[in-house]
N, C-alpha and C. Protein backbone atom coordinates (compact mmCIF):
# COMPACT_ATOMS: atom_id res chain seq x y z
N MET A 1 96.26 103.61 115.21
CA MET A 1 95.48 104.67 114.61
C MET A 1 94.24 104.88 115.47
N ASN A 2 93.86 106.14 115.67
CA ASN A 2 92.73 106.40 116.54
C ASN A 2 91.39 106.13 115.84
N VAL A 3 90.35 106.09 116.62
CA VAL A 3 89.02 105.73 116.13
C VAL A 3 88.49 106.73 115.11
N VAL A 4 88.73 108.01 115.33
CA VAL A 4 88.25 109.05 114.41
C VAL A 4 88.92 108.90 113.04
N ALA A 5 90.23 108.75 113.04
CA ALA A 5 90.96 108.59 111.78
C ALA A 5 90.50 107.34 111.05
N ARG A 6 90.34 106.24 111.77
CA ARG A 6 89.88 104.99 111.16
C ARG A 6 88.48 105.19 110.56
N GLY A 7 87.61 105.91 111.25
CA GLY A 7 86.27 106.19 110.74
C GLY A 7 86.28 107.03 109.47
N LEU A 8 87.16 108.02 109.44
CA LEU A 8 87.29 108.86 108.24
C LEU A 8 87.81 108.05 107.05
N ILE A 9 88.78 107.20 107.30
CA ILE A 9 89.31 106.35 106.22
C ILE A 9 88.22 105.41 105.72
N ARG A 10 87.48 104.79 106.64
CA ARG A 10 86.39 103.89 106.25
C ARG A 10 85.37 104.63 105.39
N ALA A 11 85.01 105.84 105.77
CA ALA A 11 84.03 106.63 105.01
C ALA A 11 84.55 106.97 103.62
N ALA A 12 85.81 107.37 103.53
CA ALA A 12 86.39 107.73 102.23
C ALA A 12 86.48 106.52 101.30
N VAL A 13 86.98 105.42 101.81
CA VAL A 13 87.11 104.22 100.97
C VAL A 13 85.73 103.69 100.60
N SER A 14 84.80 103.71 101.52
CA SER A 14 83.43 103.25 101.23
C SER A 14 82.77 104.11 100.16
N SER A 15 82.99 105.43 100.22
CA SER A 15 82.43 106.33 99.19
C SER A 15 83.04 106.04 97.82
N PHE A 16 84.35 105.82 97.79
CA PHE A 16 85.02 105.48 96.54
C PHE A 16 84.45 104.18 95.97
N GLN A 17 84.30 103.18 96.82
CA GLN A 17 83.74 101.89 96.37
C GLN A 17 82.30 102.05 95.88
N ALA A 18 81.51 102.88 96.55
CA ALA A 18 80.13 103.10 96.13
C ALA A 18 80.09 103.74 94.73
N SER A 19 81.01 104.66 94.47
CA SER A 19 81.10 105.28 93.13
C SER A 19 81.45 104.24 92.07
N ARG A 20 82.39 103.36 92.40
CA ARG A 20 82.77 102.30 91.46
C ARG A 20 81.58 101.36 91.20
N ARG A 21 80.86 101.01 92.26
CA ARG A 21 79.70 100.11 92.10
C ARG A 21 78.64 100.75 91.20
N ALA A 22 78.43 102.07 91.33
CA ALA A 22 77.46 102.76 90.48
C ALA A 22 77.88 102.68 89.01
N LEU A 23 79.16 102.88 88.75
CA LEU A 23 79.67 102.77 87.38
C LEU A 23 79.51 101.34 86.87
N TRP A 24 79.85 100.36 87.70
CA TRP A 24 79.74 98.96 87.29
C TRP A 24 78.29 98.55 87.06
N PHE A 25 77.35 99.18 87.77
CA PHE A 25 75.94 98.87 87.56
C PHE A 25 75.53 99.17 86.12
N VAL A 26 76.10 100.22 85.57
CA VAL A 26 75.80 100.63 84.19
C VAL A 26 76.61 99.83 83.18
N THR A 27 77.90 99.64 83.44
CA THR A 27 78.79 99.04 82.44
C THR A 27 78.86 97.51 82.51
N ARG A 28 78.58 96.90 83.66
CA ARG A 28 78.65 95.45 83.86
C ARG A 28 79.94 94.83 83.33
N PRO A 29 81.10 95.32 83.78
CA PRO A 29 82.37 94.80 83.24
C PRO A 29 82.64 93.37 83.66
N LEU A 30 83.47 92.70 82.89
CA LEU A 30 83.94 91.36 83.21
C LEU A 30 85.27 91.52 83.95
N SER A 31 85.35 90.95 85.14
CA SER A 31 86.59 91.08 85.91
C SER A 31 87.16 89.70 86.19
N PHE A 32 88.48 89.65 86.27
CA PHE A 32 89.18 88.41 86.56
C PHE A 32 89.93 88.60 87.87
N GLY A 33 89.83 87.62 88.75
CA GLY A 33 90.46 87.78 90.05
C GLY A 33 90.98 86.48 90.62
N VAL A 34 91.53 86.61 91.82
CA VAL A 34 92.06 85.48 92.56
C VAL A 34 91.63 85.63 94.02
N HIS A 35 91.42 84.50 94.66
CA HIS A 35 91.13 84.48 96.09
C HIS A 35 91.98 83.40 96.73
N ALA A 36 92.41 83.65 97.97
CA ALA A 36 93.26 82.71 98.69
C ALA A 36 92.55 82.16 99.91
N ILE A 37 92.79 80.90 100.16
CA ILE A 37 92.41 80.29 101.43
C ILE A 37 93.72 80.02 102.15
N PRO A 38 94.20 81.01 102.92
CA PRO A 38 95.48 80.85 103.59
C PRO A 38 95.33 80.10 104.92
N LEU A 39 96.10 79.04 105.07
CA LEU A 39 96.08 78.24 106.29
C LEU A 39 97.45 78.29 106.96
N THR A 40 97.45 78.52 108.26
CA THR A 40 98.70 78.50 109.02
C THR A 40 99.15 77.05 109.18
N GLU A 41 100.35 76.86 109.71
CA GLU A 41 100.84 75.51 109.97
C GLU A 41 99.94 74.75 110.92
N ARG A 42 99.27 75.46 111.84
CA ARG A 42 98.33 74.82 112.78
C ARG A 42 96.98 74.50 112.13
N GLY A 43 96.78 75.01 110.90
CA GLY A 43 95.51 74.77 110.22
C GLY A 43 94.49 75.86 110.41
N ASP A 44 94.89 76.98 111.03
CA ASP A 44 93.96 78.10 111.19
C ASP A 44 93.81 78.84 109.86
N LEU A 45 92.62 79.36 109.63
CA LEU A 45 92.27 80.08 108.42
C LEU A 45 92.45 81.58 108.67
N ILE A 46 93.18 82.23 107.78
CA ILE A 46 93.42 83.66 107.92
C ILE A 46 92.37 84.41 107.08
N LEU A 47 91.61 85.28 107.74
CA LEU A 47 90.58 86.07 107.09
C LEU A 47 90.89 87.56 107.27
N VAL A 48 90.30 88.37 106.39
CA VAL A 48 90.47 89.82 106.48
C VAL A 48 89.11 90.49 106.62
N ARG A 49 89.12 91.61 107.31
CA ARG A 49 87.93 92.47 107.37
C ARG A 49 88.31 93.73 106.61
N LEU A 50 87.58 94.01 105.55
CA LEU A 50 87.88 95.14 104.68
C LEU A 50 87.25 96.42 105.20
N THR A 51 87.81 97.56 104.82
CA THR A 51 87.27 98.84 105.27
C THR A 51 85.97 99.19 104.56
N TYR A 52 85.71 98.58 103.41
CA TYR A 52 84.55 98.97 102.59
C TYR A 52 83.49 97.88 102.44
N ALA A 53 83.62 96.78 103.20
CA ALA A 53 82.65 95.68 103.08
C ALA A 53 82.41 95.08 104.46
N LYS A 54 81.28 94.45 104.61
CA LYS A 54 80.94 93.83 105.88
C LYS A 54 81.42 92.39 105.92
N GLY A 55 81.74 91.95 107.12
CA GLY A 55 82.08 90.56 107.34
C GLY A 55 83.54 90.22 107.09
N TRP A 56 83.91 89.05 107.55
CA TRP A 56 85.26 88.51 107.37
C TRP A 56 85.32 87.79 106.04
N ARG A 57 86.36 88.04 105.27
CA ARG A 57 86.46 87.51 103.91
C ARG A 57 87.82 86.88 103.67
N LEU A 58 87.88 86.10 102.58
CA LEU A 58 89.16 85.58 102.14
C LEU A 58 89.93 86.69 101.46
N PRO A 59 91.25 86.74 101.63
CA PRO A 59 92.04 87.72 100.90
C PRO A 59 91.98 87.44 99.40
N GLY A 60 92.06 88.48 98.63
CA GLY A 60 92.05 88.31 97.18
C GLY A 60 91.89 89.64 96.48
N GLY A 61 91.87 89.57 95.17
CA GLY A 61 91.72 90.79 94.40
C GLY A 61 91.82 90.54 92.92
N GLY A 62 92.02 91.62 92.21
CA GLY A 62 92.04 91.57 90.76
C GLY A 62 93.31 90.99 90.19
N LEU A 63 93.15 90.40 89.04
CA LEU A 63 94.26 89.83 88.28
C LEU A 63 94.71 90.89 87.27
N LYS A 64 95.98 91.26 87.31
CA LYS A 64 96.49 92.25 86.37
C LYS A 64 96.67 91.61 85.00
N ARG A 65 96.55 92.41 83.96
CA ARG A 65 96.69 91.91 82.59
C ARG A 65 98.04 91.18 82.42
N GLY A 66 97.96 89.92 81.98
CA GLY A 66 99.15 89.13 81.73
C GLY A 66 99.76 88.50 82.98
N GLU A 67 99.17 88.73 84.14
CA GLU A 67 99.72 88.21 85.39
C GLU A 67 99.31 86.75 85.58
N ASP A 68 100.25 85.93 86.02
CA ASP A 68 99.98 84.54 86.35
C ASP A 68 99.09 84.50 87.60
N PRO A 69 97.98 83.72 87.57
CA PRO A 69 97.08 83.70 88.73
C PRO A 69 97.75 83.29 90.04
N GLN A 70 98.67 82.33 89.99
CA GLN A 70 99.34 81.91 91.22
C GLN A 70 100.21 83.04 91.77
N GLU A 71 100.89 83.75 90.90
CA GLU A 71 101.69 84.91 91.34
C GLU A 71 100.77 86.01 91.88
N ALA A 72 99.61 86.18 91.25
CA ALA A 72 98.66 87.21 91.70
C ALA A 72 98.14 86.91 93.10
N VAL A 73 97.84 85.65 93.38
CA VAL A 73 97.29 85.32 94.69
C VAL A 73 98.36 85.53 95.77
N LEU A 74 99.61 85.23 95.46
CA LEU A 74 100.68 85.48 96.43
C LEU A 74 100.91 86.99 96.61
N ARG A 75 100.80 87.75 95.54
CA ARG A 75 100.91 89.22 95.64
C ARG A 75 99.80 89.77 96.55
N GLU A 76 98.57 89.29 96.32
CA GLU A 76 97.45 89.76 97.15
C GLU A 76 97.67 89.42 98.62
N LEU A 77 98.22 88.23 98.88
CA LEU A 77 98.50 87.86 100.27
C LEU A 77 99.58 88.74 100.89
N ARG A 78 100.59 89.09 100.12
CA ARG A 78 101.62 90.00 100.63
C ARG A 78 100.99 91.35 100.96
N GLU A 79 100.12 91.85 100.06
CA GLU A 79 99.50 93.17 100.27
C GLU A 79 98.51 93.17 101.42
N GLU A 80 97.68 92.13 101.51
CA GLU A 80 96.56 92.17 102.46
C GLU A 80 96.87 91.61 103.84
N ILE A 81 97.64 90.53 103.93
CA ILE A 81 97.91 89.95 105.25
C ILE A 81 99.37 90.08 105.67
N GLY A 82 100.23 90.54 104.77
CA GLY A 82 101.65 90.64 105.08
C GLY A 82 102.33 89.28 105.00
N LEU A 83 102.00 88.49 103.99
CA LEU A 83 102.59 87.16 103.79
C LEU A 83 104.11 87.24 103.87
N THR A 84 104.69 86.39 104.73
CA THR A 84 106.15 86.33 104.84
C THR A 84 106.69 84.98 104.39
N GLY A 85 105.84 83.97 104.32
CA GLY A 85 106.26 82.65 103.88
C GLY A 85 105.07 81.74 103.67
N HIS A 86 105.30 80.66 102.93
CA HIS A 86 104.24 79.69 102.68
C HIS A 86 104.86 78.37 102.23
N ALA A 87 104.07 77.32 102.30
CA ALA A 87 104.50 76.01 101.82
C ALA A 87 103.78 75.76 100.50
N ALA A 88 102.90 74.79 100.48
CA ALA A 88 102.23 74.38 99.25
C ALA A 88 101.18 75.38 98.78
N VAL A 89 101.09 75.53 97.46
CA VAL A 89 100.05 76.34 96.82
C VAL A 89 99.29 75.39 95.90
N GLU A 90 97.98 75.28 96.14
CA GLU A 90 97.15 74.34 95.39
C GLU A 90 95.95 75.07 94.79
N ARG A 91 95.76 74.92 93.50
CA ARG A 91 94.59 75.52 92.85
C ARG A 91 93.38 74.66 93.19
N VAL A 92 92.35 75.29 93.78
CA VAL A 92 91.12 74.59 94.15
C VAL A 92 90.17 74.56 92.97
N GLY A 93 90.07 75.65 92.24
CA GLY A 93 89.17 75.71 91.11
C GLY A 93 88.85 77.14 90.72
N GLU A 94 87.84 77.27 89.89
CA GLU A 94 87.41 78.56 89.37
C GLU A 94 85.95 78.73 89.73
N PHE A 95 85.55 79.95 90.03
CA PHE A 95 84.15 80.20 90.31
C PHE A 95 83.72 81.50 89.65
N HIS A 96 82.45 81.57 89.35
CA HIS A 96 81.85 82.75 88.74
C HIS A 96 80.99 83.42 89.80
N HIS A 97 81.07 84.71 89.87
CA HIS A 97 80.25 85.45 90.81
C HIS A 97 79.98 86.84 90.25
N ARG A 98 79.11 87.57 90.92
CA ARG A 98 78.73 88.91 90.45
C ARG A 98 79.02 89.92 91.55
N PRO A 99 80.31 90.21 91.76
CA PRO A 99 80.64 91.17 92.82
C PRO A 99 80.33 92.60 92.40
N ASP A 100 79.48 93.25 93.15
CA ASP A 100 79.20 94.67 92.93
C ASP A 100 78.81 94.98 91.48
N HIS A 101 77.96 94.17 90.89
CA HIS A 101 77.41 94.36 89.54
C HIS A 101 78.39 94.00 88.42
N ARG A 102 79.58 93.54 88.76
CA ARG A 102 80.51 93.06 87.73
C ARG A 102 80.25 91.59 87.48
N ARG A 103 80.67 91.12 86.34
CA ARG A 103 80.66 89.69 86.06
C ARG A 103 82.06 89.21 86.40
N GLY A 104 82.18 88.38 87.42
CA GLY A 104 83.49 87.99 87.89
C GLY A 104 83.81 86.53 87.66
N ILE A 105 85.05 86.28 87.26
CA ILE A 105 85.59 84.94 87.16
C ILE A 105 86.85 84.96 88.01
N ALA A 106 86.92 84.07 89.00
CA ALA A 106 88.05 84.09 89.91
C ALA A 106 88.62 82.69 90.10
N GLN A 107 89.92 82.66 90.28
CA GLN A 107 90.64 81.43 90.61
C GLN A 107 90.74 81.37 92.13
N LEU A 108 90.54 80.18 92.69
CA LEU A 108 90.62 79.99 94.13
C LEU A 108 91.81 79.08 94.44
N TYR A 109 92.67 79.53 95.37
CA TYR A 109 93.86 78.78 95.74
C TYR A 109 93.88 78.50 97.23
N LEU A 110 94.35 77.33 97.59
CA LEU A 110 94.58 76.95 98.97
C LEU A 110 96.08 77.07 99.20
N ILE A 111 96.48 77.87 100.19
CA ILE A 111 97.89 78.08 100.48
C ILE A 111 98.14 77.58 101.90
N ARG A 112 98.98 76.57 102.02
CA ARG A 112 99.27 75.96 103.33
C ARG A 112 100.57 76.50 103.91
N GLY A 113 100.69 76.36 105.23
CA GLY A 113 101.91 76.76 105.92
C GLY A 113 102.21 78.24 105.86
N VAL A 114 101.17 79.04 105.89
CA VAL A 114 101.33 80.50 105.75
C VAL A 114 101.87 81.10 107.04
N THR A 115 102.88 81.94 106.87
CA THR A 115 103.35 82.81 107.95
C THR A 115 103.12 84.24 107.48
N TYR A 116 102.79 85.10 108.43
CA TYR A 116 102.41 86.46 108.04
C TYR A 116 102.64 87.44 109.18
N ALA A 117 102.74 88.69 108.80
CA ALA A 117 102.85 89.80 109.75
C ALA A 117 101.94 90.90 109.22
N PRO A 118 100.72 91.02 109.77
CA PRO A 118 99.77 91.98 109.23
C PRO A 118 100.36 93.39 109.15
N PRO A 119 100.08 94.08 108.04
CA PRO A 119 100.57 95.46 107.91
C PRO A 119 100.02 96.32 109.05
N ALA A 120 100.83 97.27 109.49
CA ALA A 120 100.41 98.16 110.58
C ALA A 120 99.23 99.03 110.16
N TRP A 121 99.15 99.33 108.85
CA TRP A 121 98.10 100.22 108.38
C TRP A 121 97.82 99.93 106.92
N SER A 122 96.54 100.00 106.54
CA SER A 122 96.14 99.76 105.16
C SER A 122 94.85 100.51 104.88
N LEU A 123 94.73 101.07 103.67
CA LEU A 123 93.48 101.70 103.27
C LEU A 123 92.39 100.66 103.07
N GLU A 124 92.77 99.47 102.64
CA GLU A 124 91.80 98.45 102.25
C GLU A 124 91.45 97.47 103.37
N VAL A 125 92.43 97.04 104.12
CA VAL A 125 92.22 96.00 105.13
C VAL A 125 92.21 96.61 106.52
N GLU A 126 91.11 96.40 107.21
CA GLU A 126 90.97 96.93 108.56
C GLU A 126 91.57 96.00 109.60
N GLU A 127 91.43 94.68 109.37
CA GLU A 127 91.90 93.73 110.37
C GLU A 127 92.22 92.40 109.70
N VAL A 128 93.22 91.72 110.23
CA VAL A 128 93.63 90.40 109.78
C VAL A 128 93.61 89.50 111.01
N ARG A 129 92.97 88.32 110.88
CA ARG A 129 92.90 87.44 112.05
C ARG A 129 92.83 85.99 111.59
N ALA A 130 93.40 85.10 112.39
CA ALA A 130 93.34 83.66 112.12
C ALA A 130 92.23 83.04 112.95
N PHE A 131 91.47 82.13 112.32
CA PHE A 131 90.36 81.45 112.97
C PHE A 131 90.51 79.95 112.77
N ALA A 132 90.13 79.19 113.77
CA ALA A 132 90.04 77.74 113.60
C ALA A 132 88.86 77.47 112.65
N PRO A 133 89.02 76.57 111.68
CA PRO A 133 87.90 76.30 110.74
C PRO A 133 86.60 75.91 111.44
N ALA A 134 86.69 75.31 112.63
CA ALA A 134 85.48 74.93 113.37
C ALA A 134 84.89 76.09 114.15
N ASP A 135 85.58 77.23 114.18
CA ASP A 135 85.13 78.37 114.97
C ASP A 135 85.22 79.66 114.15
N LEU A 136 84.57 79.66 112.99
CA LEU A 136 84.59 80.82 112.10
C LEU A 136 83.65 81.90 112.62
N PRO A 137 83.91 83.16 112.29
CA PRO A 137 83.05 84.25 112.77
C PRO A 137 81.65 84.16 112.18
N PRO A 138 80.65 84.66 112.89
CA PRO A 138 79.27 84.57 112.41
C PRO A 138 78.97 85.48 111.21
N ASP A 139 79.76 86.51 111.01
CA ASP A 139 79.49 87.44 109.91
C ASP A 139 80.30 87.10 108.66
N LEU A 140 80.36 85.82 108.35
CA LEU A 140 81.04 85.34 107.14
C LEU A 140 80.08 85.49 105.96
N PRO A 141 80.44 86.26 104.93
CA PRO A 141 79.54 86.41 103.78
C PRO A 141 79.31 85.07 103.07
N ALA A 142 78.19 84.96 102.39
CA ALA A 142 77.84 83.72 101.69
C ALA A 142 78.90 83.32 100.67
N VAL A 143 79.48 84.29 99.96
CA VAL A 143 80.49 83.97 98.95
C VAL A 143 81.72 83.34 99.61
N THR A 144 82.09 83.81 100.80
CA THR A 144 83.24 83.24 101.51
C THR A 144 82.93 81.82 101.95
N ALA A 145 81.74 81.60 102.49
CA ALA A 145 81.34 80.24 102.88
C ALA A 145 81.33 79.32 101.66
N ASP A 146 80.85 79.81 100.53
CA ASP A 146 80.84 79.00 99.29
C ASP A 146 82.26 78.62 98.88
N GLN A 147 83.19 79.55 99.00
CA GLN A 147 84.58 79.28 98.64
C GLN A 147 85.19 78.24 99.58
N LEU A 148 84.88 78.32 100.87
CA LEU A 148 85.40 77.35 101.82
C LEU A 148 84.79 75.97 101.59
N ARG A 149 83.53 75.92 101.18
CA ARG A 149 82.90 74.64 100.83
C ARG A 149 83.56 74.06 99.58
N MET A 150 83.89 74.92 98.62
CA MET A 150 84.54 74.48 97.39
C MET A 150 85.86 73.77 97.71
N ALA A 151 86.55 74.25 98.74
CA ALA A 151 87.82 73.64 99.16
C ALA A 151 87.61 72.53 100.19
N ARG A 152 86.37 72.25 100.50
CA ARG A 152 85.98 71.21 101.44
C ARG A 152 86.53 71.45 102.86
N LEU A 153 86.56 72.73 103.24
CA LEU A 153 87.02 73.07 104.58
C LEU A 153 85.86 73.19 105.57
N ILE A 154 84.66 73.42 105.04
CA ILE A 154 83.46 73.43 105.89
C ILE A 154 82.37 72.66 105.14
N PRO A 155 81.40 72.13 105.89
CA PRO A 155 80.31 71.35 105.24
C PRO A 155 79.34 72.24 104.49
């Protein structure tokens, strides 16, 4: 995809997200979600760069009504990184956060032995990349670093 098209998509998705954040500022909804710490067989951490947020983040998203959290985290990985296979799935814990003025409760899972084929195109995910845990990108948001500490992957 060319640079102009990518820029237009980023602007449209960012505007949509800004509208949602404005609504959430007023309503302060409670949201339930899941986040994944996907590790390849070599132990590399797979992170995503979203079209509407800064920095490299863990894949994740909202939990649908009645959806099992473990199934939700695998669904999110299929959607965001193109998950094609995995080994062990381990629940790390639960954390509370305030994403974009919402009150959030999320389950955090460590998924080992991940194989993936990043989607060619996505409205939400701009880039998918694997990083060695000792060589993480400098623009890692605080919430992502907190999640990695929770799983004891970084000090």
